[in-house]
Amino acid sequence: MIEWSIHLGPVFSEVVADALVTSIGDMQGSFMITELSESDLRKQYPKESSALVLHVLRNARALPWDTRWIEPLVTELASSTESKPNTRLICDELARLGYPDAQRLKKLAS
């Protein structure tokens, strides 16, 4: 269900709320976060988008294969007051997973 969340725009908030209480496996091979970074949902629902990304990363054992999304999405989320707390936690998770620029990105959300 979590991978479908970005395709359910009108009910994105509700779908994310449900997804956050659902256990998920490691989504290393998923392109869901890449697709989220390329959609308008991140701007329309910054708090929900940041919560979804944080949920995925907390369940990750390694960085996603596709890391192109990290810089633009984290920068976008850091610019929103309502998503800043989750964005800082996203950066902590990225650091845990070995992303080299996690601390620099975290400063954007401070």
PDB file of N, CA and C in Angstrom:
ATOM      1  N   MET A   1       0.810  -1.192   0.000  1.00  0.00           N
ATOM      2  CA  MET A   1       0.000   0.000   0.000  1.00  0.00           C
ATOM      3  C   MET A   1       0.860   1.266   0.000  1.00  0.00           C
ATOM      4  N   ILE A   2       1.947   1.239   0.711  1.00  0.00           N
ATOM      5  CA  ILE A   2       2.756   2.449   0.854  1.00  0.00           C
ATOM      6  C   ILE A   2       3.251   2.962  -0.504  1.00  0.00           C
ATOM      7  N   GLU A   3       3.563   2.054  -1.415  1.00  0.00           N
ATOM      8  CA  GLU A   3       4.058   2.496  -2.722  1.00  0.00           C
ATOM      9  C   GLU A   3       2.960   3.141  -3.557  1.00  0.00           C
ATOM     10  N   TRP A   4       1.719   2.826  -3.267  1.00  0.00           N
ATOM     11  CA  TRP A   4       0.613   3.430  -4.003  1.00  0.00           C
ATOM     12  C   TRP A   4       0.267   4.814  -3.481  1.00  0.00           C
ATOM     13  N   SER A   5       0.780   5.177  -2.325  1.00  0.00           N
ATOM     14  CA  SER A   5       0.388   6.440  -1.694  1.00  0.00           C
ATOM     15  C   SER A   5       0.589   7.652  -2.594  1.00  0.00           C
ATOM     16  N   ILE A   6       1.656   7.670  -3.358  1.00  0.00           N
ATOM     17  CA  ILE A   6       1.928   8.844  -4.193  1.00  0.00           C
ATOM     18  C   ILE A   6       1.028   8.918  -5.427  1.00  0.00           C
ATOM     19  N   HIS A   7       0.289   7.841  -5.689  1.00  0.00           N
ATOM     20  CA  HIS A   7      -0.617   7.833  -6.837  1.00  0.00           C
ATOM     21  C   HIS A   7      -2.052   8.118  -6.409  1.00  0.00           C
ATOM     22  N   LEU A   8      -2.245   8.413  -5.144  1.00  0.00           N
ATOM     23  CA  LEU A   8      -3.586   8.666  -4.615  1.00  0.00           C
ATOM     24  C   LEU A   8      -3.665  10.098  -4.088  1.00  0.00           C
ATOM     25  N   GLY A   9      -3.269  11.034  -4.928  1.00  0.00           N
ATOM     26  CA  GLY A   9      -3.161  12.439  -4.562  1.00  0.00           C
ATOM     27  C   GLY A   9      -4.298  13.028  -3.755  1.00  0.00           C
ATOM     28  N   PRO A  10      -5.547  12.879  -4.186  1.00  0.00           N
ATOM     29  CA  PRO A  10      -6.641  13.513  -3.448  1.00  0.00           C
ATOM     30  C   PRO A  10      -6.792  13.020  -2.006  1.00  0.00           C
ATOM     31  N   VAL A  11      -6.343  11.822  -1.736  1.00  0.00           N
ATOM     32  CA  VAL A  11      -6.457  11.266  -0.375  1.00  0.00           C
ATOM     33  C   VAL A  11      -5.078  10.964   0.212  1.00  0.00           C
ATOM     34  N   PHE A  12      -4.072  11.680  -0.257  1.00  0.00           N
ATOM     35  CA  PHE A  12      -2.690  11.436   0.152  1.00  0.00           C
ATOM     36  C   PHE A  12      -2.530  11.499   1.671  1.00  0.00           C
ATOM     37  N   SER A  13      -3.097  12.499   2.304  1.00  0.00           N
ATOM     38  CA  SER A  13      -2.965  12.644   3.761  1.00  0.00           C
ATOM     39  C   SER A  13      -3.490  11.421   4.494  1.00  0.00           C
ATOM     40  N   GLU A  14      -4.655  10.954   4.089  1.00  0.00           N
ATOM     41  CA  GLU A  14      -5.262   9.799   4.746  1.00  0.00           C
ATOM     42  C   GLU A  14      -4.458   8.524   4.495  1.00  0.00           C
ATOM     43  N   VAL A  15      -3.981   8.375   3.280  1.00  0.00           N
ATOM     44  CA  VAL A  15      -3.200   7.187   2.929  1.00  0.00           C
ATOM     45  C   VAL A  15      -1.889   7.171   3.725  1.00  0.00           C
ATOM     46  N   VAL A  16      -1.243   8.319   3.846  1.00  0.00           N
ATOM     47  CA  VAL A  16       0.002   8.390   4.615  1.00  0.00           C
ATOM     48  C   VAL A  16      -0.267   8.077   6.079  1.00  0.00           C
ATOM     49  N   ALA A  17      -1.347   8.611   6.635  1.00  0.00           N
ATOM     50  CA  ALA A  17      -1.686   8.326   8.033  1.00  0.00           C
ATOM     51  C   ALA A  17      -1.832   6.819   8.259  1.00  0.00           C
ATOM     52  N   ASP A  18      -2.480   6.143   7.326  1.00  0.00           N
ATOM     53  CA  ASP A  18      -2.625   4.683   7.428  1.00  0.00           C
ATOM     54  C   ASP A  18      -1.284   3.979   7.246  1.00  0.00           C
ATOM     55  N   ALA A  19      -0.482   4.474   6.320  1.00  0.00           N
ATOM     56  CA  ALA A  19       0.815   3.846   6.035  1.00  0.00           C
ATOM     57  C   ALA A  19       1.755   3.935   7.230  1.00  0.00           C
ATOM     58  N   LEU A  20       1.652   5.007   7.990  1.00  0.00           N
ATOM     59  CA  LEU A  20       2.564   5.215   9.119  1.00  0.00           C
ATOM     60  C   LEU A  20       2.348   4.215  10.249  1.00  0.00           C
ATOM     61  N   VAL A  21       1.198   3.590  10.290  1.00  0.00           N
ATOM     62  CA  VAL A  21       0.933   2.586  11.330  1.00  0.00           C
ATOM     63  C   VAL A  21       1.028   1.168  10.769  1.00  0.00           C
ATOM     64  N   THR A  22       1.546   1.069   9.563  1.00  0.00           N
ATOM     65  CA  THR A  22       1.713  -0.217   8.890  1.00  0.00           C
ATOM     66  C   THR A  22       3.194  -0.565   8.858  1.00  0.00           C
ATOM     67  N   SER A  23       3.512  -1.788   9.218  1.00  0.00           N
ATOM     68  CA  SER A  23       4.916  -2.185   9.133  1.00  0.00           C
ATOM     69  C   SER A  23       5.278  -2.397   7.663  1.00  0.00           C
ATOM     70  N   ILE A  24       6.506  -2.030   7.344  1.00  0.00           N
ATOM     71  CA  ILE A  24       6.992  -2.181   5.973  1.00  0.00           C
ATOM     72  C   ILE A  24       8.375  -2.805   6.029  1.00  0.00           C
ATOM     73  N   GLY A  25       8.750  -3.392   4.952  1.00  0.00           N
ATOM     74  CA  GLY A  25      10.095  -3.938   4.839  1.00  0.00           C
ATOM     75  C   GLY A  25      11.040  -2.895   4.277  1.00  0.00           C
ATOM     76  N   ASP A  26      12.255  -3.295   4.091  1.00  0.00           N
ATOM     77  CA  ASP A  26      13.255  -2.429   3.479  1.00  0.00           C
ATOM     78  C   ASP A  26      12.848  -2.175   2.032  1.00  0.00           C
ATOM     79  N   MET A  27      12.802  -0.924   1.649  1.00  0.00           N
ATOM     80  CA  MET A  27      12.366  -0.553   0.299  1.00  0.00           C
ATOM     81  C   MET A  27      13.525  -0.062  -0.549  1.00  0.00           C
ATOM     82  N   GLN A  28      14.683  -0.673  -0.381  1.00  0.00           N
ATOM     83  CA  GLN A  28      15.889  -0.236  -1.072  1.00  0.00           C
ATOM     84  C   GLN A  28      15.706  -0.172  -2.587  1.00  0.00           C
ATOM     85  N   GLY A  29      14.995  -1.106  -3.157  1.00  0.00           N
ATOM     86  CA  GLY A  29      14.816  -1.149  -4.602  1.00  0.00           C
ATOM     87  C   GLY A  29      13.620  -0.364  -5.113  1.00  0.00           C
ATOM     88  N   SER A  30      12.882   0.272  -4.224  1.00  0.00           N
ATOM     89  CA  SER A  30      11.690   1.024  -4.615  1.00  0.00           C
ATOM     90  C   SER A  30      12.055   2.400  -5.152  1.00  0.00           C
ATOM     91  N   PHE A  31      11.277   2.862  -6.096  1.00  0.00           N
ATOM     92  CA  PHE A  31      11.452   4.204  -6.639  1.00  0.00           C
ATOM     93  C   PHE A  31      10.372   5.157  -6.127  1.00  0.00           C
ATOM     94  N   MET A  32       9.650   4.749  -5.095  1.00  0.00           N
ATOM     95  CA  MET A  32       8.554   5.550  -4.568  1.00  0.00           C
ATOM     96  C   MET A  32       9.014   6.932  -4.112  1.00  0.00           C
ATOM     97  N   ILE A  33      10.113   7.000  -3.384  1.00  0.00           N
ATOM     98  CA  ILE A  33      10.565   8.308  -2.893  1.00  0.00           C
ATOM     99  C   ILE A  33      11.071   9.165  -4.052  1.00  0.00           C
ATOM    100  N   THR A  34      11.671   8.544  -5.037  1.00  0.00           N
ATOM    101  CA  THR A  34      12.083   9.292  -6.236  1.00  0.00           C
ATOM    102  C   THR A  34      10.850   9.900  -6.894  1.00  0.00           C
ATOM    103  N   GLU A  35       9.796   9.106  -7.028  1.00  0.00           N
ATOM    104  CA  GLU A  35       8.566   9.607  -7.637  1.00  0.00           C
ATOM    105  C   GLU A  35       7.939  10.706  -6.791  1.00  0.00           C
ATOM    106  N   LEU A  36       7.994  10.564  -5.477  1.00  0.00           N
ATOM    107  CA  LEU A  36       7.479  11.610  -4.599  1.00  0.00           C
ATOM    108  C   LEU A  36       8.259  12.910  -4.801  1.00  0.00           C
ATOM    109  N   SER A  37       9.572  12.795  -4.944  1.00  0.00           N
ATOM    110  CA  SER A  37      10.403  13.997  -5.120  1.00  0.00           C
ATOM    111  C   SER A  37      10.109  14.707  -6.428  1.00  0.00           C
ATOM    112  N   GLU A  38       9.547  13.994  -7.382  1.00  0.00           N
ATOM    113  CA  GLU A  38       9.240  14.569  -8.687  1.00  0.00           C
ATOM    114  C   GLU A  38       7.778  15.004  -8.806  1.00  0.00           C
ATOM    115  N   SER A  39       6.988  14.755  -7.771  1.00  0.00           N
ATOM    116  CA  SER A  39       5.566  15.106  -7.824  1.00  0.00           C
ATOM    117  C   SER A  39       5.303  16.401  -7.065  1.00  0.00           C
ATOM    118  N   ASP A  40       4.120  16.945  -7.256  1.00  0.00           N
ATOM    119  CA  ASP A  40       3.727  18.150  -6.529  1.00  0.00           C
ATOM    120  C   ASP A  40       3.258  17.850  -5.115  1.00  0.00           C
ATOM    121  N   LEU A  41       3.096  16.577  -4.784  1.00  0.00           N
ATOM    122  CA  LEU A  41       2.631  16.217  -3.444  1.00  0.00           C
ATOM    123  C   LEU A  41       3.554  16.746  -2.357  1.00  0.00           C
ATOM    124  N   ARG A  42       4.839  16.779  -2.630  1.00  0.00           N
ATOM    125  CA  ARG A  42       5.796  17.254  -1.622  1.00  0.00           C
ATOM    126  C   ARG A  42       5.556  18.712  -1.277  1.00  0.00           C
ATOM    127  N   LYS A  43       5.016  19.477  -2.229  1.00  0.00           N
ATOM    128  CA  LYS A  43       4.703  20.888  -1.980  1.00  0.00           C
ATOM    129  C   LYS A  43       3.311  21.045  -1.371  1.00  0.00           C
ATOM    130  N   GLN A  44       2.371  20.247  -1.837  1.00  0.00           N
ATOM    131  CA  GLN A  44       1.002  20.318  -1.339  1.00  0.00           C
ATOM    132  C   GLN A  44       0.880  19.757   0.075  1.00  0.00           C
ATOM    133  N   TYR A  45       1.652  18.718   0.371  1.00  0.00           N
ATOM    134  CA  TYR A  45       1.575  18.027   1.660  1.00  0.00           C
ATOM    135  C   TYR A  45       2.975  17.826   2.236  1.00  0.00           C
ATOM    136  N   PRO A  46       3.668  18.892   2.598  1.00  0.00           N
ATOM    137  CA  PRO A  46       5.043  18.726   3.074  1.00  0.00           C
ATOM    138  C   PRO A  46       5.161  17.918   4.363  1.00  0.00           C
ATOM    139  N   LYS A  47       4.245  18.118   5.281  1.00  0.00           N
ATOM    140  CA  LYS A  47       4.307  17.384   6.549  1.00  0.00           C
ATOM    141  C   LYS A  47       4.095  15.888   6.317  1.00  0.00           C
ATOM    142  N   GLU A  48       3.104  15.551   5.527  1.00  0.00           N
ATOM    143  CA  GLU A  48       2.810  14.150   5.235  1.00  0.00           C
ATOM    144  C   GLU A  48       3.928  13.521   4.409  1.00  0.00           C
ATOM    145  N   SER A  49       4.467  14.285   3.463  1.00  0.00           N
ATOM    146  CA  SER A  49       5.568  13.777   2.634  1.00  0.00           C
ATOM    147  C   SER A  49       6.786  13.473   3.495  1.00  0.00           C
ATOM    148  N   SER A  50       7.100  14.385   4.400  1.00  0.00           N
ATOM    149  CA  SER A  50       8.266  14.162   5.263  1.00  0.00           C
ATOM    150  C   SER A  50       8.036  12.981   6.199  1.00  0.00           C
ATOM    151  N   ALA A  51       6.819  12.821   6.691  1.00  0.00           N
ATOM    152  CA  ALA A  51       6.508  11.678   7.558  1.00  0.00           C
ATOM    153  C   ALA A  51       6.650  10.359   6.795  1.00  0.00           C
ATOM    154  N   LEU A  52       6.222  10.346   5.544  1.00  0.00           N
ATOM    155  CA  LEU A  52       6.321   9.143   4.724  1.00  0.00           C
ATOM    156  C   LEU A  52       7.779   8.778   4.446  1.00  0.00           C
ATOM    157  N   VAL A  53       8.574   9.763   4.077  1.00  0.00           N
ATOM    158  CA  VAL A  53       9.995   9.521   3.816  1.00  0.00           C
ATOM    159  C   VAL A  53      10.683   9.023   5.093  1.00  0.00           C
ATOM    160  N   LEU A  54      10.373   9.641   6.214  1.00  0.00           N
ATOM    161  CA  LEU A  54      10.965   9.223   7.483  1.00  0.00           C
ATOM    162  C   LEU A  54      10.596   7.784   7.812  1.00  0.00           C
ATOM    163  N   HIS A  55       9.355   7.408   7.590  1.00  0.00           N
ATOM    164  CA  HIS A  55       8.898   6.041   7.851  1.00  0.00           C
ATOM    165  C   HIS A  55       9.673   5.028   6.995  1.00  0.00           C
ATOM    166  N   VAL A  56       9.843   5.368   5.734  1.00  0.00           N
ATOM    167  CA  VAL A  56      10.595   4.477   4.831  1.00  0.00           C
ATOM    168  C   VAL A  56      12.049   4.344   5.293  1.00  0.00           C
ATOM    169  N   LEU A  57      12.667   5.467   5.624  1.00  0.00           N
ATOM    170  CA  LEU A  57      14.084   5.429   6.014  1.00  0.00           C
ATOM    171  C   LEU A  57      14.300   4.743   7.360  1.00  0.00           C
ATOM    172  N   ARG A  58      13.366   4.892   8.279  1.00  0.00           N
ATOM    173  CA  ARG A  58      13.498   4.213   9.575  1.00  0.00           C
ATOM    174  C   ARG A  58      13.449   2.695   9.434  1.00  0.00           C
ATOM    175  N   ASN A  59      12.842   2.235   8.380  1.00  0.00           N
ATOM    176  CA  ASN A  59      12.748   0.798   8.130  1.00  0.00           C
ATOM    177  C   ASN A  59      13.808   0.300   7.158  1.00  0.00           C
ATOM    178  N   ALA A  60      14.694   1.172   6.752  1.00  0.00           N
ATOM    179  CA  ALA A  60      15.726   0.819   5.775  1.00  0.00           C
ATOM    180  C   ALA A  60      16.952   0.239   6.462  1.00  0.00           C
ATOM    181  N   ARG A  61      17.580  -0.686   5.779  1.00  0.00           N
ATOM    182  CA  ARG A  61      18.848  -1.254   6.250  1.00  0.00           C
ATOM    183  C   ARG A  61      20.030  -0.701   5.458  1.00  0.00           C
ATOM    184  N   ALA A  62      19.728  -0.045   4.350  1.00  0.00           N
ATOM    185  CA  ALA A  62      20.763   0.536   3.488  1.00  0.00           C
ATOM    186  C   ALA A  62      20.128   1.683   2.714  1.00  0.00           C
ATOM    187  N   LEU A  63      20.968   2.553   2.185  1.00  0.00           N
ATOM    188  CA  LEU A  63      20.461   3.631   1.341  1.00  0.00           C
ATOM    189  C   LEU A  63      19.720   3.051   0.148  1.00  0.00           C
ATOM    190  N   PRO A  64      18.672   3.745  -0.316  1.00  0.00           N
ATOM    191  CA  PRO A  64      18.001   3.293  -1.534  1.00  0.00           C
ATOM    192  C   PRO A  64      18.995   3.263  -2.696  1.00  0.00           C
ATOM    193  N   TRP A  65      18.728   2.401  -3.658  1.00  0.00           N
ATOM    194  CA  TRP A  65      19.609   2.328  -4.817  1.00  0.00           C
ATOM    195  C   TRP A  65      19.612   3.647  -5.569  1.00  0.00           C
ATOM    196  N   ASP A  66      18.444   4.248  -5.684  1.00  0.00           N
ATOM    197  CA  ASP A  66      18.334   5.520  -6.383  1.00  0.00           C
ATOM    198  C   ASP A  66      18.387   6.642  -5.345  1.00  0.00           C
ATOM    199  N   THR A  67      19.465   7.391  -5.327  1.00  0.00           N
ATOM    200  CA  THR A  67      19.616   8.459  -4.331  1.00  0.00           C
ATOM    201  C   THR A  67      19.487   9.856  -4.946  1.00  0.00           C
ATOM    202  N   ARG A  68      19.076   9.929  -6.192  1.00  0.00           N
ATOM    203  CA  ARG A  68      18.934  11.230  -6.858  1.00  0.00           C
ATOM    204  C   ARG A  68      17.939  12.136  -6.144  1.00  0.00           C
ATOM    205  N   TRP A  69      16.995  11.561  -5.462  1.00  0.00           N
ATOM    206  CA  TRP A  69      15.924  12.314  -4.810  1.00  0.00           C
ATOM    207  C   TRP A  69      16.379  13.037  -3.549  1.00  0.00           C
ATOM    208  N   ILE A  70      17.439  12.570  -2.930  1.00  0.00           N
ATOM    209  CA  ILE A  70      17.782  13.038  -1.587  1.00  0.00           C
ATOM    210  C   ILE A  70      17.968  14.550  -1.532  1.00  0.00           C
ATOM    211  N   GLU A  71      18.873  15.072  -2.310  1.00  0.00           N
ATOM    212  CA  GLU A  71      19.173  16.516  -2.261  1.00  0.00           C
ATOM    213  C   GLU A  71      17.956  17.381  -2.565  1.00  0.00           C
ATOM    214  N   PRO A  72      17.267  17.186  -3.709  1.00  0.00           N
ATOM    215  CA  PRO A  72      16.136  18.070  -3.998  1.00  0.00           C
ATOM    216  C   PRO A  72      14.970  17.910  -3.030  1.00  0.00           C
ATOM    217  N   LEU A  73      14.668  16.687  -2.623  1.00  0.00           N
ATOM    218  CA  LEU A  73      13.526  16.487  -1.742  1.00  0.00           C
ATOM    219  C   LEU A  73      13.800  17.023  -0.342  1.00  0.00           C
ATOM    220  N   VAL A  74      14.954  16.735   0.206  1.00  0.00           N
ATOM    221  CA  VAL A  74      15.279  17.224   1.545  1.00  0.00           C
ATOM    222  C   VAL A  74      15.348  18.753   1.542  1.00  0.00           C
ATOM    223  N   THR A  75      15.902  19.334   0.505  1.00  0.00           N
ATOM    224  CA  THR A  75      15.960  20.796   0.403  1.00  0.00           C
ATOM    225  C   THR A  75      14.554  21.378   0.368  1.00  0.00           C
ATOM    226  N   GLU A  76      13.690  20.782  -0.408  1.00  0.00           N
ATOM    227  CA  GLU A  76      12.292  21.243  -0.496  1.00  0.00           C
ATOM    228  C   GLU A  76      11.585  21.108   0.854  1.00  0.00           C
ATOM    229  N   LEU A  77      11.722  19.966   1.491  1.00  0.00           N
ATOM    230  CA  LEU A  77      11.055  19.748   2.777  1.00  0.00           C
ATOM    231  C   LEU A  77      11.616  20.662   3.866  1.00  0.00           C
ATOM    232  N   ALA A  78      12.895  20.964   3.798  1.00  0.00           N
ATOM    233  CA  ALA A  78      13.525  21.845   4.793  1.00  0.00           C
ATOM    234  C   ALA A  78      13.000  23.268   4.701  1.00  0.00           C
ATOM    235  N   SER A  79      12.454  23.633   3.562  1.00  0.00           N
ATOM    236  CA  SER A  79      11.941  24.994   3.387  1.00  0.00           C
ATOM    237  C   SER A  79      10.544  25.173   3.965  1.00  0.00           C
ATOM    238  N   SER A  80       9.911  24.096   4.377  1.00  0.00           N
ATOM    239  CA  SER A  80       8.565  24.159   4.937  1.00  0.00           C
ATOM    240  C   SER A  80       8.630  24.081   6.462  1.00  0.00           C
ATOM    241  N   THR A  81       8.055  25.047   7.120  1.00  0.00           N
ATOM    242  CA  THR A  81       8.063  25.082   8.584  1.00  0.00           C
ATOM    243  C   THR A  81       7.436  23.823   9.175  1.00  0.00           C
ATOM    244  N   GLU A  82       6.332  23.356   8.585  1.00  0.00           N
ATOM    245  CA  GLU A  82       5.644  22.216   9.169  1.00  0.00           C
ATOM    246  C   GLU A  82       6.369  20.889   8.960  1.00  0.00           C
ATOM    247  N   SER A  83       7.297  20.828   8.016  1.00  0.00           N
ATOM    248  CA  SER A  83       8.016  19.566   7.808  1.00  0.00           C
ATOM    249  C   SER A  83       9.444  19.588   8.361  1.00  0.00           C
ATOM    250  N   LYS A  84       9.886  20.720   8.899  1.00  0.00           N
ATOM    251  CA  LYS A  84      11.269  20.821   9.416  1.00  0.00           C
ATOM    252  C   LYS A  84      11.597  19.772  10.486  1.00  0.00           C
ATOM    253  N   PRO A  85      10.737  19.533  11.481  1.00  0.00           N
ATOM    254  CA  PRO A  85      11.093  18.520  12.485  1.00  0.00           C
ATOM    255  C   PRO A  85      11.354  17.142  11.869  1.00  0.00           C
ATOM    256  N   ASN A  86      10.478  16.714  10.970  1.00  0.00           N
ATOM    257  CA  ASN A  86      10.686  15.423  10.310  1.00  0.00           C
ATOM    258  C   ASN A  86      11.903  15.457   9.398  1.00  0.00           C
ATOM    259  N   THR A  87      12.163  16.595   8.783  1.00  0.00           N
ATOM    260  CA  THR A  87      13.305  16.700   7.877  1.00  0.00           C
ATOM    261  C   THR A  87      14.612  16.507   8.640  1.00  0.00           C
ATOM    262  N   ARG A  88      14.688  17.056   9.841  1.00  0.00           N
ATOM    263  CA  ARG A  88      15.891  16.838  10.667  1.00  0.00           C
ATOM    264  C   ARG A  88      16.057  15.352  10.982  1.00  0.00           C
ATOM    265  N   LEU A  89      14.951  14.686  11.280  1.00  0.00           N
ATOM    266  CA  LEU A  89      15.006  13.247  11.564  1.00  0.00           C
ATOM    267  C   LEU A  89      15.345  12.440  10.307  1.00  0.00           C
ATOM    268  N   ILE A  90      14.868  12.897   9.160  1.00  0.00           N
ATOM    269  CA  ILE A  90      15.226  12.259   7.890  1.00  0.00           C
ATOM    270  C   ILE A  90      16.735  12.316   7.708  1.00  0.00           C
ATOM    271  N   CYS A  91      17.315  13.457   7.992  1.00  0.00           N
ATOM    272  CA  CYS A  91      18.768  13.613   7.859  1.00  0.00           C
ATOM    273  C   CYS A  91      19.515  12.709   8.830  1.00  0.00           C
ATOM    274  N   ASP A  92      18.971  12.534  10.033  1.00  0.00           N
ATOM    275  CA  ASP A  92      19.577  11.595  10.989  1.00  0.00           C
ATOM    276  C   ASP A  92      19.557  10.172  10.433  1.00  0.00           C
ATOM    277  N   GLU A  93      18.449   9.805   9.826  1.00  0.00           N
ATOM    278  CA  GLU A  93      18.344   8.468   9.235  1.00  0.00           C
ATOM    279  C   GLU A  93      19.286   8.323   8.044  1.00  0.00           C
ATOM    280  N   LEU A  94      19.397   9.362   7.232  1.00  0.00           N
ATOM    281  CA  LEU A  94      20.327   9.316   6.104  1.00  0.00           C
ATOM    282  C   LEU A  94      21.759   9.144   6.601  1.00  0.00           C
ATOM    283  N   ALA A  95      22.099   9.823   7.694  1.00  0.00           N
ATOM    284  CA  ALA A  95      23.445   9.676   8.278  1.00  0.00           C
ATOM    285  C   ALA A  95      23.651   8.246   8.767  1.00  0.00           C
ATOM    286  N   ARG A  96      22.636   7.689   9.421  1.00  0.00           N
ATOM    287  CA  ARG A  96      22.725   6.304   9.907  1.00  0.00           C
ATOM    288  C   ARG A  96      22.972   5.337   8.752  1.00  0.00           C
ATOM    289  N   LEU A  97      22.370   5.638   7.619  1.00  0.00           N
ATOM    290  CA  LEU A  97      22.489   4.773   6.445  1.00  0.00           C
ATOM    291  C   LEU A  97      23.751   5.040   5.634  1.00  0.00           C
ATOM    292  N   GLY A  98      24.516   6.066   6.034  1.00  0.00           N
ATOM    293  CA  GLY A  98      25.796   6.327   5.384  1.00  0.00           C
ATOM    294  C   GLY A  98      25.796   7.389   4.301  1.00  0.00           C
ATOM    295  N   TYR A  99      24.744   8.212   4.232  1.00  0.00           N
ATOM    296  CA  TYR A  99      24.727   9.270   3.225  1.00  0.00           C
ATOM    297  C   TYR A  99      25.723  10.354   3.635  1.00  0.00           C
ATOM    298  N   PRO A 100      26.708  10.657   2.805  1.00  0.00           N
ATOM    299  CA  PRO A 100      27.808  11.541   3.214  1.00  0.00           C
ATOM    300  C   PRO A 100      27.424  12.996   3.488  1.00  0.00           C
ATOM    301  N   ASP A 101      26.371  13.506   2.863  1.00  0.00           N
ATOM    302  CA  ASP A 101      26.005  14.911   3.040  1.00  0.00           C
ATOM    303  C   ASP A 101      24.840  15.119   4.010  1.00  0.00           C
ATOM    304  N   ALA A 102      24.542  14.134   4.820  1.00  0.00           N
ATOM    305  CA  ALA A 102      23.386  14.218   5.715  1.00  0.00           C
ATOM    306  C   ALA A 102      23.480  15.388   6.688  1.00  0.00           C
ATOM    307  N   GLN A 103      24.628  15.611   7.267  1.00  0.00           N
ATOM    308  CA  GLN A 103      24.765  16.695   8.240  1.00  0.00           C
ATOM    309  C   GLN A 103      24.632  18.063   7.582  1.00  0.00           C
ATOM    310  N   ARG A 104      25.165  18.193   6.387  1.00  0.00           N
ATOM    311  CA  ARG A 104      25.021  19.462   5.654  1.00  0.00           C
ATOM    312  C   ARG A 104      23.543  19.743   5.366  1.00  0.00           C
ATOM    313  N   LEU A 105      22.814  18.706   4.936  1.00  0.00           N
ATOM    314  CA  LEU A 105      21.395  18.874   4.653  1.00  0.00           C
ATOM    315  C   LEU A 105      20.607  19.179   5.921  1.00  0.00           C
ATOM    316  N   LYS A 106      21.025  18.585   7.028  1.00  0.00           N
ATOM    317  CA  LYS A 106      20.324  18.821   8.295  1.00  0.00           C
ATOM    318  C   LYS A 106      20.380  20.293   8.690  1.00  0.00           C
ATOM    319  N   LYS A 107      21.458  20.961   8.352  1.00  0.00           N
ATOM    320  CA  LYS A 107      21.591  22.393   8.672  1.00  0.00           C
ATOM    321  C   LYS A 107      20.528  23.218   7.942  1.00  0.00           C
ATOM    322  N   LEU A 108      20.059  22.744   6.791  1.00  0.00           N
ATOM    323  CA  LEU A 108      19.015  23.452   6.063  1.00  0.00           C
ATOM    324  C   LEU A 108      17.702  23.454   6.835  1.00  0.00           C
ATOM    325  N   ALA A 109      17.498  22.440   7.645  1.00  0.00           N
ATOM    326  CA  ALA A 109      16.250  22.301   8.398  1.00  0.00           C
ATOM    327  C   ALA A 109      16.353  22.851   9.808  1.00  0.00           C
ATOM    328  N   SER A 110      17.444  23.489  10.121  1.00  0.00           N
ATOM    329  CA  SER A 110      17.632  24.022  11.480  1.00  0.00           C
ATOM    330  C   SER A 110      17.057  25.412  11.610  1.00  0.00           C
TER     331      SER A 110
END
